[in-house]
Amino acid sequence: MNTPIDPHDPYLRTYTEPEVTALLCELHERGRPLGLRWGSVAVSERAIDGRLLVDFGDAPVSTLLNLLNLLREVPRQ
């Protein structure tokens, strides 16, 4: 298992809205077979300390990346 990404990692400040949107699309694709659905998930209009937020409870991008890392370890069905 990979080490979780810290929400304060300076690298997260480099993510753009199109990149985060692509990650959200991957989240939908990988999560759908497992019953994980977030129809309203989107890039938030808000940012905290230069970090984009994702609108499923205003989670930082690190939460999205950590969730995707877990889903990437699940064999595709």
PDB file of N, CA and C in Angstrom:
ATOM      1  N   MET A   1       0.833  -1.176   0.000  1.00  0.00           N
ATOM      2  CA  MET A   1       0.000   0.000   0.000  1.00  0.00           C
ATOM      3  C   MET A   1       0.880   1.243   0.000  1.00  0.00           C
ATOM      4  N   ASN A   2       0.459   2.238  -0.731  1.00  0.00           N
ATOM      5  CA  ASN A   2       1.196   3.497  -0.797  1.00  0.00           C
ATOM      6  C   ASN A   2       0.962   4.323   0.460  1.00  0.00           C
ATOM      7  N   THR A   3       1.916   5.188   0.752  1.00  0.00           N
ATOM      8  CA  THR A   3       1.765   6.101   1.874  1.00  0.00           C
ATOM      9  C   THR A   3       0.754   7.176   1.498  1.00  0.00           C
ATOM     10  N   PRO A   4      -0.194   7.483   2.373  1.00  0.00           N
ATOM     11  CA  PRO A   4      -1.176   8.530   2.059  1.00  0.00           C
ATOM     12  C   PRO A   4      -0.501   9.874   1.796  1.00  0.00           C
ATOM     13  N   ILE A   5      -1.115  10.650   0.939  1.00  0.00           N
ATOM     14  CA  ILE A   5      -0.613  11.979   0.615  1.00  0.00           C
ATOM     15  C   ILE A   5      -1.107  12.949   1.680  1.00  0.00           C
ATOM     16  N   ASP A   6      -0.202  13.735   2.201  1.00  0.00           N
ATOM     17  CA  ASP A   6      -0.537  14.720   3.230  1.00  0.00           C
ATOM     18  C   ASP A   6      -1.252  15.909   2.582  1.00  0.00           C
ATOM     19  N   PRO A   7      -2.326  16.403   3.200  1.00  0.00           N
ATOM     20  CA  PRO A   7      -3.044  17.537   2.619  1.00  0.00           C
ATOM     21  C   PRO A   7      -2.205  18.809   2.510  1.00  0.00           C
ATOM     22  N   HIS A   8      -1.079  18.859   3.216  1.00  0.00           N
ATOM     23  CA  HIS A   8      -0.232  20.051   3.170  1.00  0.00           C
ATOM     24  C   HIS A   8       0.964  19.889   2.234  1.00  0.00           C
ATOM     25  N   ASP A   9       0.977  18.821   1.447  1.00  0.00           N
ATOM     26  CA  ASP A   9       2.066  18.601   0.503  1.00  0.00           C
ATOM     27  C   ASP A   9       2.089  19.751  -0.508  1.00  0.00           C
ATOM     28  N   PRO A  10       3.206  20.461  -0.641  1.00  0.00           N
ATOM     29  CA  PRO A  10       3.274  21.601  -1.551  1.00  0.00           C
ATOM     30  C   PRO A  10       2.983  21.228  -3.014  1.00  0.00           C
ATOM     31  N   TYR A  11       3.223  19.980  -3.382  1.00  0.00           N
ATOM     32  CA  TYR A  11       2.973  19.534  -4.756  1.00  0.00           C
ATOM     33  C   TYR A  11       1.497  19.679  -5.129  1.00  0.00           C
ATOM     34  N   LEU A  12       0.607  19.575  -4.153  1.00  0.00           N
ATOM     35  CA  LEU A  12      -0.829  19.661  -4.425  1.00  0.00           C
ATOM     36  C   LEU A  12      -1.224  21.033  -4.960  1.00  0.00           C
ATOM     37  N   ARG A  13      -0.413  22.040  -4.713  1.00  0.00           N
ATOM     38  CA  ARG A  13      -0.717  23.381  -5.208  1.00  0.00           C
ATOM     39  C   ARG A  13      -0.552  23.484  -6.721  1.00  0.00           C
ATOM     40  N   THR A  14       0.072  22.489  -7.329  1.00  0.00           N
ATOM     41  CA  THR A  14       0.310  22.544  -8.775  1.00  0.00           C
ATOM     42  C   THR A  14      -0.864  22.003  -9.587  1.00  0.00           C
ATOM     43  N   TYR A  15      -1.826  21.354  -8.942  1.00  0.00           N
ATOM     44  CA  TYR A  15      -2.962  20.774  -9.665  1.00  0.00           C
ATOM     45  C   TYR A  15      -3.874  21.871 -10.194  1.00  0.00           C
ATOM     46  N   THR A  16      -4.253  21.739 -11.453  1.00  0.00           N
ATOM     47  CA  THR A  16      -5.165  22.690 -12.066  1.00  0.00           C
ATOM     48  C   THR A  16      -6.579  22.118 -12.063  1.00  0.00           C
ATOM     49  N   GLU A  17      -7.547  22.958 -12.349  1.00  0.00           N
ATOM     50  CA  GLU A  17      -8.935  22.500 -12.374  1.00  0.00           C
ATOM     51  C   GLU A  17      -9.154  21.390 -13.401  1.00  0.00           C
ATOM     52  N   PRO A  18      -8.608  21.494 -14.638  1.00  0.00           N
ATOM     53  CA  PRO A  18      -8.791  20.384 -15.585  1.00  0.00           C
ATOM     54  C   PRO A  18      -8.160  19.071 -15.104  1.00  0.00           C
ATOM     55  N   GLU A  19      -7.026  19.144 -14.425  1.00  0.00           N
ATOM     56  CA  GLU A  19      -6.393  17.929 -13.903  1.00  0.00           C
ATOM     57  C   GLU A  19      -7.249  17.291 -12.815  1.00  0.00           C
ATOM     58  N   VAL A  20      -7.790  18.104 -11.925  1.00  0.00           N
ATOM     59  CA  VAL A  20      -8.635  17.572 -10.858  1.00  0.00           C
ATOM     60  C   VAL A  20      -9.928  17.016 -11.443  1.00  0.00           C
ATOM     61  N   THR A  21     -10.463  17.674 -12.456  1.00  0.00           N
ATOM     62  CA  THR A  21     -11.663  17.170 -13.119  1.00  0.00           C
ATOM     63  C   THR A  21     -11.403  15.802 -13.733  1.00  0.00           C
ATOM     64  N   ALA A  22     -10.231  15.609 -14.332  1.00  0.00           N
ATOM     65  CA  ALA A  22      -9.867  14.303 -14.904  1.00  0.00           C
ATOM     66  C   ALA A  22      -9.758  13.248 -13.798  1.00  0.00           C
ATOM     67  N   LEU A  23      -9.214  13.623 -12.646  1.00  0.00           N
ATOM     68  CA  LEU A  23      -9.130  12.689 -11.520  1.00  0.00           C
ATOM     69  C   LEU A  23     -10.527  12.319 -11.021  1.00  0.00           C
ATOM     70  N   LEU A  24     -11.433  13.286 -11.006  1.00  0.00           N
ATOM     71  CA  LEU A  24     -12.808  13.001 -10.597  1.00  0.00           C
ATOM     72  C   LEU A  24     -13.489  12.047 -11.573  1.00  0.00           C
ATOM     73  N   CYS A  25     -13.199  12.201 -12.860  1.00  0.00           N
ATOM     74  CA  CYS A  25     -13.742  11.267 -13.860  1.00  0.00           C
ATOM     75  C   CYS A  25     -13.223   9.858 -13.598  1.00  0.00           C
ATOM     76  N   GLU A  26     -11.937   9.754 -13.262  1.00  0.00           N
ATOM     77  CA  GLU A  26     -11.370   8.440 -12.946  1.00  0.00           C
ATOM     78  C   GLU A  26     -12.029   7.866 -11.691  1.00  0.00           C
ATOM     79  N   LEU A  27     -12.287   8.725 -10.699  1.00  0.00           N
ATOM     80  CA  LEU A  27     -12.964   8.282  -9.489  1.00  0.00           C
ATOM     81  C   LEU A  27     -14.329   7.693  -9.828  1.00  0.00           C
ATOM     82  N   HIS A  28     -15.076   8.356 -10.689  1.00  0.00           N
ATOM     83  CA  HIS A  28     -16.391   7.849 -11.103  1.00  0.00           C
ATOM     84  C   HIS A  28     -16.252   6.504 -11.821  1.00  0.00           C
ATOM     85  N   GLU A  29     -15.287   6.424 -12.720  1.00  0.00           N
ATOM     86  CA  GLU A  29     -15.094   5.204 -13.501  1.00  0.00           C
ATOM     87  C   GLU A  29     -14.694   4.022 -12.622  1.00  0.00           C
ATOM     88  N   ARG A  30     -13.735   4.252 -11.737  1.00  0.00           N
ATOM     89  CA  ARG A  30     -13.257   3.160 -10.879  1.00  0.00           C
ATOM     90  C   ARG A  30     -14.239   2.828  -9.767  1.00  0.00           C
ATOM     91  N   GLY A  31     -14.966   3.811  -9.283  1.00  0.00           N
ATOM     92  CA  GLY A  31     -15.883   3.579  -8.182  1.00  0.00           C
ATOM     93  C   GLY A  31     -17.207   2.968  -8.580  1.00  0.00           C
ATOM     94  N   ARG A  32     -17.646   3.220  -9.817  1.00  0.00           N
ATOM     95  CA  ARG A  32     -18.960   2.732 -10.261  1.00  0.00           C
ATOM     96  C   ARG A  32     -19.133   1.228 -10.078  1.00  0.00           C
ATOM     97  N   PRO A  33     -18.192   0.377 -10.507  1.00  0.00           N
ATOM     98  CA  PRO A  33     -18.386  -1.071 -10.328  1.00  0.00           C
ATOM     99  C   PRO A  33     -18.452  -1.496  -8.856  1.00  0.00           C
ATOM    100  N   LEU A  34     -17.933  -0.665  -7.969  1.00  0.00           N
ATOM    101  CA  LEU A  34     -17.923  -0.982  -6.546  1.00  0.00           C
ATOM    102  C   LEU A  34     -19.102  -0.346  -5.808  1.00  0.00           C
ATOM    103  N   GLY A  35     -19.968   0.331  -6.553  1.00  0.00           N
ATOM    104  CA  GLY A  35     -21.121   0.972  -5.947  1.00  0.00           C
ATOM    105  C   GLY A  35     -20.820   2.326  -5.333  1.00  0.00           C
ATOM    106  N   LEU A  36     -19.642   2.877  -5.615  1.00  0.00           N
ATOM    107  CA  LEU A  36     -19.275   4.201  -5.107  1.00  0.00           C
ATOM    108  C   LEU A  36     -19.684   5.241  -6.143  1.00  0.00           C
ATOM    109  N   ARG A  37     -20.645   6.058  -5.790  1.00  0.00           N
ATOM    110  CA  ARG A  37     -21.153   7.059  -6.725  1.00  0.00           C
ATOM    111  C   ARG A  37     -21.244   8.414  -6.032  1.00  0.00           C
ATOM    112  N   TRP A  38     -20.720   9.399  -6.707  1.00  0.00           N
ATOM    113  CA  TRP A  38     -20.794  10.771  -6.234  1.00  0.00           C
ATOM    114  C   TRP A  38     -21.239  11.637  -7.409  1.00  0.00           C
ATOM    115  N   GLY A  39     -22.529  11.700  -7.636  1.00  0.00           N
ATOM    116  CA  GLY A  39     -23.054  12.443  -8.778  1.00  0.00           C
ATOM    117  C   GLY A  39     -22.786  13.925  -8.718  1.00  0.00           C
ATOM    118  N   SER A  40     -22.677  14.468  -7.530  1.00  0.00           N
ATOM    119  CA  SER A  40     -22.494  15.912  -7.401  1.00  0.00           C
ATOM    120  C   SER A  40     -21.041  16.311  -7.156  1.00  0.00           C
ATOM    121  N   VAL A  41     -20.126  15.377  -7.216  1.00  0.00           N
ATOM    122  CA  VAL A  41     -18.726  15.711  -6.972  1.00  0.00           C
ATOM    123  C   VAL A  41     -18.212  16.595  -8.100  1.00  0.00           C
ATOM    124  N   ALA A  42     -17.551  17.651  -7.711  1.00  0.00           N
ATOM    125  CA  ALA A  42     -16.986  18.579  -8.689  1.00  0.00           C
ATOM    126  C   ALA A  42     -15.856  19.354  -8.033  1.00  0.00           C
ATOM    127  N   VAL A  43     -15.094  20.043  -8.856  1.00  0.00           N
ATOM    128  CA  VAL A  43     -14.067  20.922  -8.318  1.00  0.00           C
ATOM    129  C   VAL A  43     -14.788  22.089  -7.657  1.00  0.00           C
ATOM    130  N   SER A  44     -14.414  22.389  -6.446  1.00  0.00           N
ATOM    131  CA  SER A  44     -15.055  23.468  -5.700  1.00  0.00           C
ATOM    132  C   SER A  44     -14.599  24.819  -6.218  1.00  0.00           C
ATOM    133  N   GLU A  45     -15.446  25.805  -6.034  1.00  0.00           N
ATOM    134  CA  GLU A  45     -15.055  27.166  -6.382  1.00  0.00           C
ATOM    135  C   GLU A  45     -14.120  27.740  -5.330  1.00  0.00           C
ATOM    136  N   ARG A  46     -14.046  27.076  -4.196  1.00  0.00           N
ATOM    137  CA  ARG A  46     -13.221  27.557  -3.094  1.00  0.00           C
ATOM    138  C   ARG A  46     -11.849  26.901  -3.092  1.00  0.00           C
ATOM    139  N   ALA A  47     -10.937  27.574  -2.497  1.00  0.00           N
ATOM    140  CA  ALA A  47      -9.601  27.029  -2.269  1.00  0.00           C
ATOM    141  C   ALA A  47      -9.173  27.467  -0.870  1.00  0.00           C
ATOM    142  N   ILE A  48      -8.346  26.653  -0.248  1.00  0.00           N
ATOM    143  CA  ILE A  48      -7.785  27.003   1.051  1.00  0.00           C
ATOM    144  C   ILE A  48      -6.275  26.995   0.927  1.00  0.00           C
ATOM    145  N   ASP A  49      -5.682  28.104   1.245  1.00  0.00           N
ATOM    146  CA  ASP A  49      -4.227  28.222   1.235  1.00  0.00           C
ATOM    147  C   ASP A  49      -3.640  27.787  -0.106  1.00  0.00           C
ATOM    148  N   GLY A  50      -4.295  28.165  -1.205  1.00  0.00           N
ATOM    149  CA  GLY A  50      -3.798  27.851  -2.540  1.00  0.00           C
ATOM    150  C   GLY A  50      -4.108  26.456  -3.026  1.00  0.00           C
ATOM    151  N   ARG A  51      -4.846  25.672  -2.239  1.00  0.00           N
ATOM    152  CA  ARG A  51      -5.174  24.303  -2.635  1.00  0.00           C
ATOM    153  C   ARG A  51      -6.623  24.245  -3.095  1.00  0.00           C
ATOM    154  N   LEU A  52      -6.853  23.651  -4.266  1.00  0.00           N
ATOM    155  CA  LEU A  52      -8.213  23.440  -4.742  1.00  0.00           C
ATOM    156  C   LEU A  52      -8.931  22.459  -3.835  1.00  0.00           C
ATOM    157  N   LEU A  53     -10.229  22.638  -3.679  1.00  0.00           N
ATOM    158  CA  LEU A  53     -11.036  21.706  -2.903  1.00  0.00           C
ATOM    159  C   LEU A  53     -11.950  20.946  -3.842  1.00  0.00           C
ATOM    160  N   VAL A  54     -12.355  19.783  -3.404  1.00  0.00           N
ATOM    161  CA  VAL A  54     -13.291  18.954  -4.151  1.00  0.00           C
ATOM    162  C   VAL A  54     -14.595  18.973  -3.374  1.00  0.00           C
ATOM    163  N   ASP A  55     -15.689  19.200  -4.080  1.00  0.00           N
ATOM    164  CA  ASP A  55     -16.984  19.337  -3.432  1.00  0.00           C
ATOM    165  C   ASP A  55     -17.621  17.992  -3.144  1.00  0.00           C
ATOM    166  N   PHE A  56     -17.132  17.258  -2.183  1.00  0.00           N
ATOM    167  CA  PHE A  56     -17.889  16.220  -1.502  1.00  0.00           C
ATOM    168  C   PHE A  56     -17.531  16.368  -0.033  1.00  0.00           C
ATOM    169  N   GLY A  57     -17.994  17.506   0.474  1.00  0.00           N
ATOM    170  CA  GLY A  57     -17.657  17.892   1.835  1.00  0.00           C
ATOM    171  C   GLY A  57     -16.439  18.790   1.864  1.00  0.00           C
ATOM    172  N   ASP A  58     -16.161  19.480   0.757  1.00  0.00           N
ATOM    173  CA  ASP A  58     -14.995  20.361   0.636  1.00  0.00           C
ATOM    174  C   ASP A  58     -13.704  19.672   1.041  1.00  0.00           C
ATOM    175  N   ALA A  59     -13.490  18.509   0.494  1.00  0.00           N
ATOM    176  CA  ALA A  59     -12.272  17.746   0.780  1.00  0.00           C
ATOM    177  C   ALA A  59     -11.111  18.305  -0.036  1.00  0.00           C
ATOM    178  N   PRO A  60      -9.900  18.282   0.521  1.00  0.00           N
ATOM    179  CA  PRO A  60      -8.750  18.701  -0.261  1.00  0.00           C
ATOM    180  C   PRO A  60      -8.437  17.668  -1.346  1.00  0.00           C
ATOM    181  N   VAL A  61      -7.685  18.082  -2.332  1.00  0.00           N
ATOM    182  CA  VAL A  61      -7.312  17.193  -3.428  1.00  0.00           C
ATOM    183  C   VAL A  61      -6.601  15.953  -2.898  1.00  0.00           C
ATOM    184  N   SER A  62      -5.895  16.082  -1.781  1.00  0.00           N
ATOM    185  CA  SER A  62      -5.200  14.925  -1.212  1.00  0.00           C
ATOM    186  C   SER A  62      -6.183  13.808  -0.878  1.00  0.00           C
ATOM    187  N   THR A  63      -7.384  14.147  -0.424  1.00  0.00           N
ATOM    188  CA  THR A  63      -8.390  13.125  -0.129  1.00  0.00           C
ATOM    189  C   THR A  63      -8.782  12.387  -1.394  1.00  0.00           C
ATOM    190  N   LEU A  64      -8.981  13.131  -2.468  1.00  0.00           N
ATOM    191  CA  LEU A  64      -9.304  12.523  -3.763  1.00  0.00           C
ATOM    192  C   LEU A  64      -8.177  11.597  -4.215  1.00  0.00           C
ATOM    193  N   LEU A  65      -6.941  12.059  -4.129  1.00  0.00           N
ATOM    194  CA  LEU A  65      -5.797  11.236  -4.557  1.00  0.00           C
ATOM    195  C   LEU A  65      -5.647   9.992  -3.690  1.00  0.00           C
ATOM    196  N   ASN A  66      -5.841  10.125  -2.388  1.00  0.00           N
ATOM    197  CA  ASN A  66      -5.732   8.962  -1.505  1.00  0.00           C
ATOM    198  C   ASN A  66      -6.831   7.948  -1.792  1.00  0.00           C
ATOM    199  N   LEU A  67      -8.040   8.423  -2.044  1.00  0.00           N
ATOM    200  CA  LEU A  67      -9.135   7.519  -2.400  1.00  0.00           C
ATOM    201  C   LEU A  67      -8.855   6.819  -3.719  1.00  0.00           C
ATOM    202  N   LEU A  68      -8.363   7.562  -4.704  1.00  0.00           N
ATOM    203  CA  LEU A  68      -8.030   6.944  -5.992  1.00  0.00           C
ATOM    204  C   LEU A  68      -6.928   5.911  -5.842  1.00  0.00           C
ATOM    205  N   ASN A  69      -5.938   6.188  -4.998  1.00  0.00           N
ATOM    206  CA  ASN A  69      -4.874   5.200  -4.781  1.00  0.00           C
ATOM    207  C   ASN A  69      -5.433   3.904  -4.230  1.00  0.00           C
ATOM    208  N   LEU A  70      -6.402   4.004  -3.320  1.00  0.00           N
ATOM    209  CA  LEU A  70      -7.036   2.791  -2.795  1.00  0.00           C
ATOM    210  C   LEU A  70      -7.816   2.064  -3.888  1.00  0.00           C
ATOM    211  N   LEU A  71      -8.564   2.808  -4.689  1.00  0.00           N
ATOM    212  CA  LEU A  71      -9.347   2.186  -5.748  1.00  0.00           C
ATOM    213  C   LEU A  71      -8.463   1.576  -6.837  1.00  0.00           C
ATOM    214  N   ARG A  72      -7.314   2.153  -7.077  1.00  0.00           N
ATOM    215  CA  ARG A  72      -6.393   1.603  -8.084  1.00  0.00           C
ATOM    216  C   ARG A  72      -5.824   0.255  -7.667  1.00  0.00           C
ATOM    217  N   GLU A  73      -5.842  -0.019  -6.354  1.00  0.00           N
ATOM    218  CA  GLU A  73      -5.350  -1.323  -5.870  1.00  0.00           C
ATOM    219  C   GLU A  73      -6.389  -2.422  -5.986  1.00  0.00           C
ATOM    220  N   VAL A  74      -7.644  -2.045  -6.219  1.00  0.00           N
ATOM    221  CA  VAL A  74      -8.721  -3.034  -6.358  1.00  0.00           C
ATOM    222  C   VAL A  74      -8.700  -3.543  -7.789  1.00  0.00           C
ATOM    223  N   PRO A  75      -8.659  -4.869  -7.982  1.00  0.00           N
ATOM    224  CA  PRO A  75      -8.664  -5.396  -9.354  1.00  0.00           C
ATOM    225  C   PRO A  75      -9.929  -4.966 -10.085  1.00  0.00           C
ATOM    226  N   ARG A  76      -9.774  -4.613 -11.352  1.00  0.00           N
ATOM    227  CA  ARG A  76     -10.923  -4.211 -12.164  1.00  0.00           C
ATOM    228  C   ARG A  76     -11.821  -5.407 -12.397  1.00  0.00           C
ATOM    229  N   GLN A  77     -13.137  -5.164 -12.351  1.00  0.00           N
ATOM    230  CA  GLN A  77     -14.108  -6.251 -12.524  1.00  0.00           C
ATOM    231  C   GLN A  77     -14.595  -6.291 -13.949  1.00  0.00           C
TER     232      GLN A  77
END
